[in-house]
Amino acid sequence: MIISFMERPPAGMPAEAAPAALDFLLDAAKDRDTKVLRGAIARLKRVFEADDPPPAEDVDRNEFFASTTINGRVILKGDVDAETGEMLLSALSPLSKPRPDTDAEPDRRTPAQRRADALTEVLRRYHDSACGPDEGGERPHLHVHINAHDLVEKPEPDRGAYQEMFAATDVGWTPWMGPLSVDTVRRLACDCTLSPILLDENGTPIDLGRTTKVISRKLRRALVARDHGCAFPGCGRPPSWCDGHHVKHWADGGPTDLDNLVLLCRFHHRMIHHSGWDVFIGEDRHPWFIPPVKRDRFREPLPANNRGSPIMA
């Protein structure tokens, strides 16, 4: 940074000022925080009234790449100005703090994993706020398409029926990223806006049903009143960060009512769907959580975050 400044000094800096400027920058560089050195360079540029913005503020250099990989993931790479970077880091910071798996288990995610989860939350809140511009006549959001019967849990097929099963079974599909596993679609469908579309034998839509929210606002208010936030033991994230999870999925005939729902933050919602944890509604009509065998070989139920001890009905 110092070499770059000295090789291309501001046009208004006289040659006789160069030694003093170099000493000033070297002194700033003794502090190992590069922000101090950047501040010193910015101060010199102000003194000598440089017209060009410093690299940290040059928006013409901003780049952001989002490349889809062959395995269905997206690689992100970017180079942005200080203002954009400050907005990004300030948005990610409160959402990327460590949070325990349970009261006794620390957060096992790396800082990079926590920032990735925080980015997901920022995007989710942006979409939920409906503040973005229309595209194709709709507010931007996550759209997933799947055949209704593929959401239902199916028994293990006979060996001879596999070929028929392969031909009949579909996966979830998103407009930008393509296929999603049924497990992920089931998680997204726990608390979603449902738009049923009736197709003919050729896959042509013949009827569009009424779009409805799976969990109504009235029911969600009752769910918040009971769970107060994420019910997972040791979490307690606020309700605005949470989804309503169906203990028995509605696609499997589970009712959408208070005794079949639990409020979970997105991190613990994924955990319930993908990591061996189970949840049930106890006799006290509150959620109880059963850890996987690798955490507790006896699988002793744990009370919800806001329930220190069971209260029998």
C-alpha atoms as a PDB file:
ATOM      1  CA  MET A   1       0.000   0.000   0.000  1.00  0.00           C
ATOM      2  CA  ILE A   2       2.824   2.389   0.827  1.00  0.00           C
ATOM      3  CA  ILE A   3       4.751   1.512  -2.337  1.00  0.00           C
ATOM      4  CA  SER A   4       1.642   1.994  -4.440  1.00  0.00           C
ATOM      5  CA  PHE A   5       1.051   5.441  -2.914  1.00  0.00           C
ATOM      6  CA  MET A   6       4.672   6.558  -3.323  1.00  0.00           C
ATOM      7  CA  GLU A   7       4.838   5.356  -6.932  1.00  0.00           C
ATOM      8  CA  ARG A   8       1.623   7.213  -7.813  1.00  0.00           C
ATOM      9  CA  PRO A   9       1.365  10.142  -5.379  1.00  0.00           C
ATOM     10  CA  PRO A  10      -1.441  12.713  -5.639  1.00  0.00           C
ATOM     11  CA  ALA A  11      -0.861  15.218  -8.419  1.00  0.00           C
ATOM     12  CA  GLY A  12      -0.730  18.071  -5.910  1.00  0.00           C
ATOM     13  CA  MET A  13       2.029  16.554  -3.734  1.00  0.00           C
ATOM     14  CA  PRO A  14       5.415  18.224  -4.376  1.00  0.00           C
ATOM     15  CA  ALA A  15       8.523  16.080  -4.648  1.00  0.00           C
ATOM     16  CA  GLU A  16      10.073  17.614  -1.519  1.00  0.00           C
ATOM     17  CA  ALA A  17       7.090  16.342   0.540  1.00  0.00           C
ATOM     18  CA  ALA A  18       7.737  12.711  -0.413  1.00  0.00           C
ATOM     19  CA  PRO A  19      10.250  11.867   2.391  1.00  0.00           C
ATOM     20  CA  ALA A  20       7.946  13.260   5.074  1.00  0.00           C
ATOM     21  CA  ALA A  21       4.977  11.430   3.554  1.00  0.00           C
ATOM     22  CA  LEU A  22       6.941   8.176   3.528  1.00  0.00           C
ATOM     23  CA  ASP A  23       7.902   8.599   7.192  1.00  0.00           C
ATOM     24  CA  PHE A  24       4.267   9.362   8.043  1.00  0.00           C
ATOM     25  CA  LEU A  25       3.048   6.196   6.317  1.00  0.00           C
ATOM     26  CA  LEU A  26       5.770   3.981   7.798  1.00  0.00           C
ATOM     27  CA  ASP A  27       4.826   5.211  11.249  1.00  0.00           C
ATOM     28  CA  ALA A  28       1.162   4.383  10.559  1.00  0.00           C
ATOM     29  CA  ALA A  29       2.172   0.919   9.356  1.00  0.00           C
ATOM     30  CA  LYS A  30       3.615   0.089  12.790  1.00  0.00           C
ATOM     31  CA  ASP A  31       0.040  -0.527  13.844  1.00  0.00           C
ATOM     32  CA  ARG A  32      -0.720  -3.917  12.310  1.00  0.00           C
ATOM     33  CA  ASP A  33      -4.304  -2.971  11.566  1.00  0.00           C
ATOM     34  CA  THR A  34      -4.397  -2.038   7.870  1.00  0.00           C
ATOM     35  CA  LYS A  35      -7.338   0.293   8.536  1.00  0.00           C
ATOM     36  CA  VAL A  36      -4.892   2.671  10.287  1.00  0.00           C
ATOM     37  CA  LEU A  37      -2.633   2.752   7.235  1.00  0.00           C
ATOM     38  CA  ARG A  38      -5.576   3.266   4.893  1.00  0.00           C
ATOM     39  CA  GLY A  39      -6.670   6.181   7.041  1.00  0.00           C
ATOM     40  CA  ALA A  40      -3.203   7.722   6.839  1.00  0.00           C
ATOM     41  CA  ILE A  41      -3.175   7.408   3.045  1.00  0.00           C
ATOM     42  CA  ALA A  42      -6.639   8.966   2.850  1.00  0.00           C
ATOM     43  CA  ARG A  43      -5.414  11.853   5.035  1.00  0.00           C
ATOM     44  CA  LEU A  44      -2.461  12.539   2.734  1.00  0.00           C
ATOM     45  CA  LYS A  45      -4.733  12.498  -0.282  1.00  0.00           C
ATOM     46  CA  ARG A  46      -6.990  15.051   1.384  1.00  0.00           C
ATOM     47  CA  VAL A  47      -3.994  17.240   2.243  1.00  0.00           C
ATOM     48  CA  PHE A  48      -2.870  17.260  -1.358  1.00  0.00           C
ATOM     49  CA  GLU A  49      -6.410  17.331  -2.766  1.00  0.00           C
ATOM     50  CA  ALA A  50      -6.275  14.214  -4.929  1.00  0.00           C
ATOM     51  CA  ASP A  51      -9.205  14.044  -7.345  1.00  0.00           C
ATOM     52  CA  ASP A  52      -9.194  10.235  -7.682  1.00  0.00           C
ATOM     53  CA  PRO A  53     -11.076   8.289  -4.978  1.00  0.00           C
ATOM     54  CA  PRO A  54      -8.952   5.937  -2.859  1.00  0.00           C
ATOM     55  CA  PRO A  55      -9.169   2.256  -3.852  1.00  0.00           C
ATOM     56  CA  ALA A  56     -11.397   1.521  -0.846  1.00  0.00           C
ATOM     57  CA  GLU A  57     -13.982   4.013  -2.144  1.00  0.00           C
ATOM     58  CA  ASP A  58     -13.699   3.414  -5.888  1.00  0.00           C
ATOM     59  CA  VAL A  59     -17.085   1.913  -6.815  1.00  0.00           C
ATOM     60  CA  ASP A  60     -15.972   1.457 -10.428  1.00  0.00           C
ATOM     61  CA  ARG A  61     -13.807  -1.445  -9.214  1.00  0.00           C
ATOM     62  CA  ASN A  62     -16.743  -3.290  -7.624  1.00  0.00           C
ATOM     63  CA  GLU A  63     -17.306  -6.839  -8.859  1.00  0.00           C
ATOM     64  CA  PHE A  64     -19.487  -9.683  -7.661  1.00  0.00           C
ATOM     65  CA  PHE A  65     -19.544 -13.157  -9.171  1.00  0.00           C
ATOM     66  CA  ALA A  66     -22.136 -15.859  -8.505  1.00  0.00           C
ATOM     67  CA  SER A  67     -21.255 -19.006 -10.444  1.00  0.00           C
ATOM     68  CA  THR A  68     -23.308 -22.196 -10.449  1.00  0.00           C
ATOM     69  CA  THR A  69     -21.220 -25.365 -10.097  1.00  0.00           C
ATOM     70  CA  ILE A  70     -21.888 -28.761 -11.637  1.00  0.00           C
ATOM     71  CA  ASN A  71     -22.979 -30.143  -8.237  1.00  0.00           C
ATOM     72  CA  GLY A  72     -25.737 -27.553  -7.869  1.00  0.00           C
ATOM     73  CA  ARG A  73     -23.972 -25.141  -5.512  1.00  0.00           C
ATOM     74  CA  VAL A  74     -23.041 -21.485  -6.039  1.00  0.00           C
ATOM     75  CA  ILE A  75     -19.546 -20.054  -5.613  1.00  0.00           C
ATOM     76  CA  LEU A  76     -19.535 -16.405  -4.525  1.00  0.00           C
ATOM     77  CA  LYS A  77     -16.592 -14.082  -5.114  1.00  0.00           C
ATOM     78  CA  GLY A  78     -16.516 -10.324  -4.881  1.00  0.00           C
ATOM     79  CA  ASP A  79     -14.487  -7.138  -4.524  1.00  0.00           C
ATOM     80  CA  VAL A  80     -16.506  -4.175  -3.264  1.00  0.00           C
ATOM     81  CA  ASP A  81     -15.894  -0.683  -1.923  1.00  0.00           C
ATOM     82  CA  ALA A  82     -15.650   0.152   1.772  1.00  0.00           C
ATOM     83  CA  GLU A  83     -19.206   1.490   2.036  1.00  0.00           C
ATOM     84  CA  THR A  84     -20.722  -1.662   0.540  1.00  0.00           C
ATOM     85  CA  GLY A  85     -18.423  -3.805   2.680  1.00  0.00           C
ATOM     86  CA  GLU A  86     -19.453  -1.933   5.819  1.00  0.00           C
ATOM     87  CA  MET A  87     -23.147  -2.476   5.053  1.00  0.00           C
ATOM     88  CA  LEU A  88     -22.533  -6.173   4.415  1.00  0.00           C
ATOM     89  CA  LEU A  89     -20.462  -6.774   7.553  1.00  0.00           C
ATOM     90  CA  SER A  90     -22.825  -4.777   9.772  1.00  0.00           C
ATOM     91  CA  ALA A  91     -25.752  -6.850   8.457  1.00  0.00           C
ATOM     92  CA  LEU A  92     -23.919 -10.158   8.967  1.00  0.00           C
ATOM     93  CA  SER A  93     -22.412  -9.417  12.392  1.00  0.00           C
ATOM     94  CA  PRO A  94     -25.490  -9.778  14.648  1.00  0.00           C
ATOM     95  CA  LEU A  95     -26.706 -12.788  12.662  1.00  0.00           C
ATOM     96  CA  SER A  96     -23.404 -14.675  12.730  1.00  0.00           C
ATOM     97  CA  LYS A  97     -22.811 -14.778  16.482  1.00  0.00           C
ATOM     98  CA  PRO A  98     -22.205 -18.260  17.932  1.00  0.00           C
ATOM     99  CA  ARG A  99     -25.315 -20.007  19.189  1.00  0.00           C
ATOM    100  CA  PRO A 100     -25.246 -23.308  21.084  1.00  0.00           C
ATOM    101  CA  ASP A 101     -26.785 -26.515  19.826  1.00  0.00           C
ATOM    102  CA  THR A 102     -28.142 -27.001  23.356  1.00  0.00           C
ATOM    103  CA  ASP A 103     -27.413 -25.517  26.771  1.00  0.00           C
ATOM    104  CA  ALA A 104     -24.509 -27.936  27.150  1.00  0.00           C
ATOM    105  CA  GLU A 105     -23.200 -27.952  23.570  1.00  0.00           C
ATOM    106  CA  PRO A 106     -21.217 -25.056  22.051  1.00  0.00           C
ATOM    107  CA  ASP A 107     -21.757 -23.822  18.519  1.00  0.00           C
ATOM    108  CA  ARG A 108     -19.747 -26.219  16.348  1.00  0.00           C
ATOM    109  CA  ARG A 109     -19.882 -24.048  13.218  1.00  0.00           C
ATOM    110  CA  THR A 110     -16.753 -22.317  11.960  1.00  0.00           C
ATOM    111  CA  PRO A 111     -16.796 -18.504  11.559  1.00  0.00           C
ATOM    112  CA  ALA A 112     -17.158 -19.002   7.797  1.00  0.00           C
ATOM    113  CA  GLN A 113     -20.163 -21.281   8.312  1.00  0.00           C
ATOM    114  CA  ARG A 114     -21.744 -18.753  10.682  1.00  0.00           C
ATOM    115  CA  ARG A 115     -21.308 -15.968   8.121  1.00  0.00           C
ATOM    116  CA  ALA A 116     -22.839 -18.171   5.410  1.00  0.00           C
ATOM    117  CA  ASP A 117     -25.872 -18.845   7.632  1.00  0.00           C
ATOM    118  CA  ALA A 118     -26.088 -15.106   8.345  1.00  0.00           C
ATOM    119  CA  LEU A 119     -26.097 -14.351   4.611  1.00  0.00           C
ATOM    120  CA  THR A 120     -28.961 -16.816   4.170  1.00  0.00           C
ATOM    121  CA  GLU A 121     -30.892 -15.015   6.915  1.00  0.00           C
ATOM    122  CA  VAL A 122     -30.258 -11.596   5.329  1.00  0.00           C
ATOM    123  CA  LEU A 123     -31.587 -12.848   1.995  1.00  0.00           C
ATOM    124  CA  ARG A 124     -34.604 -14.491   3.638  1.00  0.00           C
ATOM    125  CA  ARG A 125     -35.506 -11.278   5.444  1.00  0.00           C
ATOM    126  CA  TYR A 126     -35.131  -9.261   2.261  1.00  0.00           C
ATOM    127  CA  HIS A 127     -37.541 -11.577   0.469  1.00  0.00           C
ATOM    128  CA  ASP A 128     -39.966 -11.735   3.397  1.00  0.00           C
ATOM    129  CA  SER A 129     -40.124  -7.942   3.566  1.00  0.00           C
ATOM    130  CA  ALA A 130     -41.384  -7.787  -0.064  1.00  0.00           C
ATOM    131  CA  CYS A 131     -39.374  -4.605  -0.579  1.00  0.00           C
ATOM    132  CA  GLY A 132     -37.728  -5.722  -3.816  1.00  0.00           C
ATOM    133  CA  PRO A 133     -38.898  -4.818  -7.314  1.00  0.00           C
ATOM    134  CA  ASP A 134     -41.305  -7.000  -9.254  1.00  0.00           C
ATOM    135  CA  GLU A 135     -39.985  -9.556 -11.706  1.00  0.00           C
ATOM    136  CA  GLY A 136     -42.485 -11.149 -14.035  1.00  0.00           C
ATOM    137  CA  GLY A 137     -45.293  -9.481 -12.096  1.00  0.00           C
ATOM    138  CA  GLU A 138     -44.288 -11.016  -8.740  1.00  0.00           C
ATOM    139  CA  ARG A 139     -42.266  -9.992  -5.737  1.00  0.00           C
ATOM    140  CA  PRO A 140     -38.977 -11.934  -5.578  1.00  0.00           C
ATOM    141  CA  HIS A 141     -38.985 -14.963  -3.321  1.00  0.00           C
ATOM    142  CA  LEU A 142     -37.924 -18.590  -3.265  1.00  0.00           C
ATOM    143  CA  HIS A 143     -40.136 -20.632  -5.600  1.00  0.00           C
ATOM    144  CA  VAL A 144     -40.010 -24.429  -5.439  1.00  0.00           C
ATOM    145  CA  HIS A 145     -42.032 -26.732  -7.713  1.00  0.00           C
ATOM    146  CA  ILE A 146     -42.760 -30.353  -6.797  1.00  0.00           C
ATOM    147  CA  ASN A 147     -45.450 -32.960  -7.371  1.00  0.00           C
ATOM    148  CA  ALA A 148     -47.671 -33.178  -4.296  1.00  0.00           C
ATOM    149  CA  HIS A 149     -47.437 -36.974  -3.995  1.00  0.00           C
ATOM    150  CA  ASP A 150     -43.624 -36.754  -3.905  1.00  0.00           C
ATOM    151  CA  LEU A 151     -43.781 -34.835  -0.608  1.00  0.00           C
ATOM    152  CA  VAL A 152     -45.388 -37.828   1.088  1.00  0.00           C
ATOM    153  CA  GLU A 153     -43.101 -40.266   2.900  1.00  0.00           C
ATOM    154  CA  LYS A 154     -43.271 -43.581   1.073  1.00  0.00           C
ATOM    155  CA  PRO A 155     -42.623 -47.116   2.336  1.00  0.00           C
ATOM    156  CA  GLU A 156     -39.569 -48.965   1.098  1.00  0.00           C
ATOM    157  CA  PRO A 157     -40.443 -50.419  -2.323  1.00  0.00           C
ATOM    158  CA  ASP A 158     -40.086 -54.041  -3.317  1.00  0.00           C
ATOM    159  CA  ARG A 159     -36.905 -54.807  -5.204  1.00  0.00           C
ATOM    160  CA  GLY A 160     -38.751 -55.296  -8.471  1.00  0.00           C
ATOM    161  CA  ALA A 161     -40.615 -52.013  -8.116  1.00  0.00           C
ATOM    162  CA  TYR A 162     -37.556 -49.737  -8.152  1.00  0.00           C
ATOM    163  CA  GLN A 163     -37.644 -49.071 -11.882  1.00  0.00           C
ATOM    164  CA  GLU A 164     -41.284 -48.005 -11.678  1.00  0.00           C
ATOM    165  CA  MET A 165     -40.490 -45.857  -8.654  1.00  0.00           C
ATOM    166  CA  PHE A 166     -37.624 -44.113 -10.474  1.00  0.00           C
ATOM    167  CA  ALA A 167     -39.896 -43.225 -13.372  1.00  0.00           C
ATOM    168  CA  ALA A 168     -42.729 -41.978 -11.158  1.00  0.00           C
ATOM    169  CA  THR A 169     -40.775 -39.998  -8.560  1.00  0.00           C
ATOM    170  CA  ASP A 170     -39.797 -36.385  -9.104  1.00  0.00           C
ATOM    171  CA  VAL A 171     -37.646 -33.963  -7.103  1.00  0.00           C
ATOM    172  CA  GLY A 172     -38.126 -30.356  -6.136  1.00  0.00           C
ATOM    173  CA  TRP A 173     -37.224 -27.798  -8.771  1.00  0.00           C
ATOM    174  CA  THR A 174     -36.223 -24.134  -8.486  1.00  0.00           C
ATOM    175  CA  PRO A 175     -36.187 -21.659 -11.392  1.00  0.00           C
ATOM    176  CA  TRP A 176     -32.546 -20.573 -10.923  1.00  0.00           C
ATOM    177  CA  MET A 177     -30.768 -23.532  -9.330  1.00  0.00           C
ATOM    178  CA  GLY A 178     -32.723 -26.534 -10.628  1.00  0.00           C
ATOM    179  CA  PRO A 179     -33.253 -29.668  -8.500  1.00  0.00           C
ATOM    180  CA  LEU A 180     -33.647 -29.773  -4.709  1.00  0.00           C
ATOM    181  CA  SER A 181     -33.916 -32.902  -2.572  1.00  0.00           C
ATOM    182  CA  VAL A 182     -37.336 -33.865  -1.267  1.00  0.00           C
ATOM    183  CA  ASP A 183     -36.038 -33.552   2.328  1.00  0.00           C
ATOM    184  CA  THR A 184     -35.164 -29.902   1.719  1.00  0.00           C
ATOM    185  CA  VAL A 185     -38.485 -29.260  -0.007  1.00  0.00           C
ATOM    186  CA  ARG A 186     -40.337 -30.823   2.946  1.00  0.00           C
ATOM    187  CA  ARG A 187     -38.516 -28.426   5.287  1.00  0.00           C
ATOM    188  CA  LEU A 188     -39.369 -25.424   3.096  1.00  0.00           C
ATOM    189  CA  ALA A 189     -42.967 -26.630   2.834  1.00  0.00           C
ATOM    190  CA  CYS A 190     -43.427 -26.729   6.632  1.00  0.00           C
ATOM    191  CA  ASP A 191     -44.261 -23.023   6.689  1.00  0.00           C
ATOM    192  CA  CYS A 192     -44.851 -21.870   3.138  1.00  0.00           C
ATOM    193  CA  THR A 193     -47.331 -20.215   0.824  1.00  0.00           C
ATOM    194  CA  LEU A 194     -48.951 -23.034  -1.127  1.00  0.00           C
ATOM    195  CA  SER A 195     -50.127 -22.632  -4.725  1.00  0.00           C
ATOM    196  CA  PRO A 196     -51.783 -25.869  -5.928  1.00  0.00           C
ATOM    197  CA  ILE A 197     -51.739 -26.426  -9.700  1.00  0.00           C
ATOM    198  CA  LEU A 198     -53.708 -29.265 -11.297  1.00  0.00           C
ATOM    199  CA  LEU A 199     -51.982 -30.792 -14.346  1.00  0.00           C
ATOM    200  CA  ASP A 200     -53.257 -33.124 -17.032  1.00  0.00           C
ATOM    201  CA  GLU A 201     -51.520 -36.347 -18.084  1.00  0.00           C
ATOM    202  CA  ASN A 202     -49.172 -34.341 -20.321  1.00  0.00           C
ATOM    203  CA  GLY A 203     -48.088 -31.993 -17.540  1.00  0.00           C
ATOM    204  CA  THR A 204     -50.158 -29.060 -18.834  1.00  0.00           C
ATOM    205  CA  PRO A 205     -51.802 -26.891 -16.151  1.00  0.00           C
ATOM    206  CA  ILE A 206     -55.587 -27.089 -16.306  1.00  0.00           C
ATOM    207  CA  ASP A 207     -56.528 -25.467 -12.995  1.00  0.00           C
ATOM    208  CA  LEU A 208     -54.836 -23.089 -10.561  1.00  0.00           C
ATOM    209  CA  GLY A 209     -56.056 -23.318  -6.984  1.00  0.00           C
ATOM    210  CA  ARG A 210     -56.151 -20.487  -4.492  1.00  0.00           C
ATOM    211  CA  THR A 211     -52.781 -19.548  -2.981  1.00  0.00           C
ATOM    212  CA  THR A 212     -52.878 -19.934   0.803  1.00  0.00           C
ATOM    213  CA  LYS A 213     -50.456 -19.704   3.725  1.00  0.00           C
ATOM    214  CA  VAL A 214     -50.011 -23.130   5.303  1.00  0.00           C
ATOM    215  CA  ILE A 215     -49.812 -21.593   8.789  1.00  0.00           C
ATOM    216  CA  SER A 216     -52.270 -18.725   9.159  1.00  0.00           C
ATOM    217  CA  ARG A 217     -51.402 -15.467  10.895  1.00  0.00           C
ATOM    218  CA  LYS A 218     -53.803 -16.251  13.721  1.00  0.00           C
ATOM    219  CA  LEU A 219     -52.229 -19.671  14.308  1.00  0.00           C
ATOM    220  CA  ARG A 220     -48.730 -18.224  14.136  1.00  0.00           C
ATOM    221  CA  ARG A 221     -49.627 -15.706  16.844  1.00  0.00           C
ATOM    222  CA  ALA A 222     -50.759 -18.592  19.063  1.00  0.00           C
ATOM    223  CA  LEU A 223     -47.534 -20.458  18.279  1.00  0.00           C
ATOM    224  CA  VAL A 224     -45.462 -17.413  19.274  1.00  0.00           C
ATOM    225  CA  ALA A 225     -47.480 -17.030  22.483  1.00  0.00           C
ATOM    226  CA  ARG A 226     -46.638 -20.627  23.444  1.00  0.00           C
ATOM    227  CA  ASP A 227     -42.998 -20.957  22.299  1.00  0.00           C
ATOM    228  CA  HIS A 228     -41.905 -17.270  22.509  1.00  0.00           C
ATOM    229  CA  GLY A 229     -39.191 -17.931  19.908  1.00  0.00           C
ATOM    230  CA  CYS A 230     -37.132 -20.906  18.774  1.00  0.00           C
ATOM    231  CA  ALA A 231     -38.187 -23.765  21.067  1.00  0.00           C
ATOM    232  CA  PHE A 232     -34.982 -25.775  20.553  1.00  0.00           C
ATOM    233  CA  PRO A 233     -33.197 -26.289  23.918  1.00  0.00           C
ATOM    234  CA  GLY A 234     -30.730 -23.487  24.595  1.00  0.00           C
ATOM    235  CA  CYS A 235     -31.698 -21.342  21.593  1.00  0.00           C
ATOM    236  CA  GLY A 236     -34.626 -18.964  22.023  1.00  0.00           C
ATOM    237  CA  ARG A 237     -34.062 -16.946  18.829  1.00  0.00           C
ATOM    238  CA  PRO A 238     -36.843 -14.375  18.367  1.00  0.00           C
ATOM    239  CA  PRO A 239     -40.037 -15.335  16.509  1.00  0.00           C
ATOM    240  CA  SER A 240     -39.155 -13.195  13.473  1.00  0.00           C
ATOM    241  CA  TRP A 241     -36.214 -15.551  12.849  1.00  0.00           C
ATOM    242  CA  CYS A 242     -38.361 -18.694  13.035  1.00  0.00           C
ATOM    243  CA  ASP A 243     -40.502 -21.024  10.909  1.00  0.00           C
ATOM    244  CA  GLY A 244     -43.418 -23.119  12.043  1.00  0.00           C
ATOM    245  CA  HIS A 245     -42.351 -26.781  11.854  1.00  0.00           C
ATOM    246  CA  HIS A 246     -44.943 -29.547  11.449  1.00  0.00           C
ATOM    247  CA  VAL A 247     -44.188 -32.440  13.823  1.00  0.00           C
ATOM    248  CA  LYS A 248     -46.049 -34.672  11.363  1.00  0.00           C
ATOM    249  CA  HIS A 249     -45.781 -33.076   7.938  1.00  0.00           C
ATOM    250  CA  TRP A 250     -49.018 -31.841   6.398  1.00  0.00           C
ATOM    251  CA  ALA A 251     -48.173 -33.825   3.251  1.00  0.00           C
ATOM    252  CA  ASP A 252     -48.382 -36.977   5.401  1.00  0.00           C
ATOM    253  CA  GLY A 253     -51.755 -35.997   6.810  1.00  0.00           C
ATOM    254  CA  GLY A 254     -50.478 -34.041   9.802  1.00  0.00           C
ATOM    255  CA  PRO A 255     -52.887 -31.307  10.914  1.00  0.00           C
ATOM    256  CA  THR A 256     -51.895 -27.648  10.863  1.00  0.00           C
ATOM    257  CA  ASP A 257     -52.819 -26.888  14.440  1.00  0.00           C
ATOM    258  CA  LEU A 258     -51.043 -25.896  17.634  1.00  0.00           C
ATOM    259  CA  ASP A 259     -50.577 -29.491  18.844  1.00  0.00           C
ATOM    260  CA  ASN A 260     -48.659 -30.406  15.681  1.00  0.00           C
ATOM    261  CA  LEU A 261     -46.470 -27.296  15.353  1.00  0.00           C
ATOM    262  CA  VAL A 262     -43.289 -26.003  16.930  1.00  0.00           C
ATOM    263  CA  LEU A 263     -41.461 -22.729  16.343  1.00  0.00           C
ATOM    264  CA  LEU A 264     -37.847 -23.229  15.182  1.00  0.00           C
ATOM    265  CA  CYS A 265     -35.167 -20.854  13.923  1.00  0.00           C
ATOM    266  CA  ARG A 266     -33.893 -21.716  10.435  1.00  0.00           C
ATOM    267  CA  PHE A 267     -30.684 -23.269  11.813  1.00  0.00           C
ATOM    268  CA  HIS A 268     -32.522 -25.670  14.125  1.00  0.00           C
ATOM    269  CA  HIS A 269     -35.272 -26.265  11.566  1.00  0.00           C
ATOM    270  CA  ARG A 270     -32.618 -27.688   9.240  1.00  0.00           C
ATOM    271  CA  MET A 271     -31.221 -29.715  12.142  1.00  0.00           C
ATOM    272  CA  ILE A 272     -34.589 -31.334  12.891  1.00  0.00           C
ATOM    273  CA  HIS A 273     -35.048 -32.297   9.229  1.00  0.00           C
ATOM    274  CA  HIS A 274     -31.536 -33.488   8.476  1.00  0.00           C
ATOM    275  CA  SER A 275     -29.560 -34.568  11.560  1.00  0.00           C
ATOM    276  CA  GLY A 276     -31.478 -37.230  13.494  1.00  0.00           C
ATOM    277  CA  TRP A 277     -33.148 -34.983  16.078  1.00  0.00           C
ATOM    278  CA  ASP A 278     -36.835 -35.645  16.730  1.00  0.00           C
ATOM    279  CA  VAL A 279     -39.535 -33.492  18.277  1.00  0.00           C
ATOM    280  CA  PHE A 280     -42.920 -34.352  19.763  1.00  0.00           C
ATOM    281  CA  ILE A 281     -45.638 -32.508  21.661  1.00  0.00           C
ATOM    282  CA  GLY A 282     -45.751 -33.754  25.272  1.00  0.00           C
ATOM    283  CA  GLU A 283     -48.629 -34.179  27.677  1.00  0.00           C
ATOM    284  CA  ASP A 284     -48.032 -30.579  28.755  1.00  0.00           C
ATOM    285  CA  ARG A 285     -48.854 -29.558  25.130  1.00  0.00           C
ATOM    286  CA  HIS A 286     -45.359 -28.138  24.708  1.00  0.00           C
ATOM    287  CA  PRO A 287     -42.553 -29.366  22.430  1.00  0.00           C
ATOM    288  CA  TRP A 288     -39.986 -31.909  23.629  1.00  0.00           C
ATOM    289  CA  PHE A 289     -36.806 -32.750  21.726  1.00  0.00           C
ATOM    290  CA  ILE A 290     -35.095 -36.132  21.395  1.00  0.00           C
ATOM    291  CA  PRO A 291     -31.366 -36.005  20.530  1.00  0.00           C
ATOM    292  CA  PRO A 292     -29.805 -38.469  18.085  1.00  0.00           C
ATOM    293  CA  VAL A 293     -28.000 -41.538  19.418  1.00  0.00           C
ATOM    294  CA  LYS A 294     -24.578 -39.989  18.743  1.00  0.00           C
ATOM    295  CA  ARG A 295     -25.459 -37.247  21.276  1.00  0.00           C
ATOM    296  CA  ASP A 296     -27.326 -39.372  23.821  1.00  0.00           C
ATOM    297  CA  ARG A 297     -27.483 -43.140  23.477  1.00  0.00           C
ATOM    298  CA  PHE A 298     -30.523 -43.201  25.793  1.00  0.00           C
ATOM    299  CA  ARG A 299     -32.257 -40.457  23.762  1.00  0.00           C
ATOM    300  CA  GLU A 300     -33.710 -38.766  26.827  1.00  0.00           C
ATOM    301  CA  PRO A 301     -36.265 -36.072  25.854  1.00  0.00           C
ATOM    302  CA  LEU A 302     -35.266 -32.452  26.472  1.00  0.00           C
ATOM    303  CA  PRO A 303     -37.821 -29.730  27.288  1.00  0.00           C
ATOM    304  CA  ALA A 304     -38.309 -26.751  25.003  1.00  0.00           C
ATOM    305  CA  ASN A 305     -36.171 -23.686  25.534  1.00  0.00           C
ATOM    306  CA  ASN A 306     -38.789 -21.858  27.600  1.00  0.00           C
ATOM    307  CA  ARG A 307     -39.752 -24.907  29.700  1.00  0.00           C
ATOM    308  CA  GLY A 308     -37.442 -25.762  32.562  1.00  0.00           C
ATOM    309  CA  SER A 309     -39.483 -28.720  33.799  1.00  0.00           C
ATOM    310  CA  PRO A 310     -42.522 -30.633  32.591  1.00  0.00           C
ATOM    311  CA  ILE A 311     -45.965 -29.417  33.571  1.00  0.00           C
ATOM    312  CA  MET A 312     -48.460 -32.248  33.343  1.00  0.00           C
ATOM    313  CA  ALA A 313     -51.872 -31.503  31.897  1.00  0.00           C
END
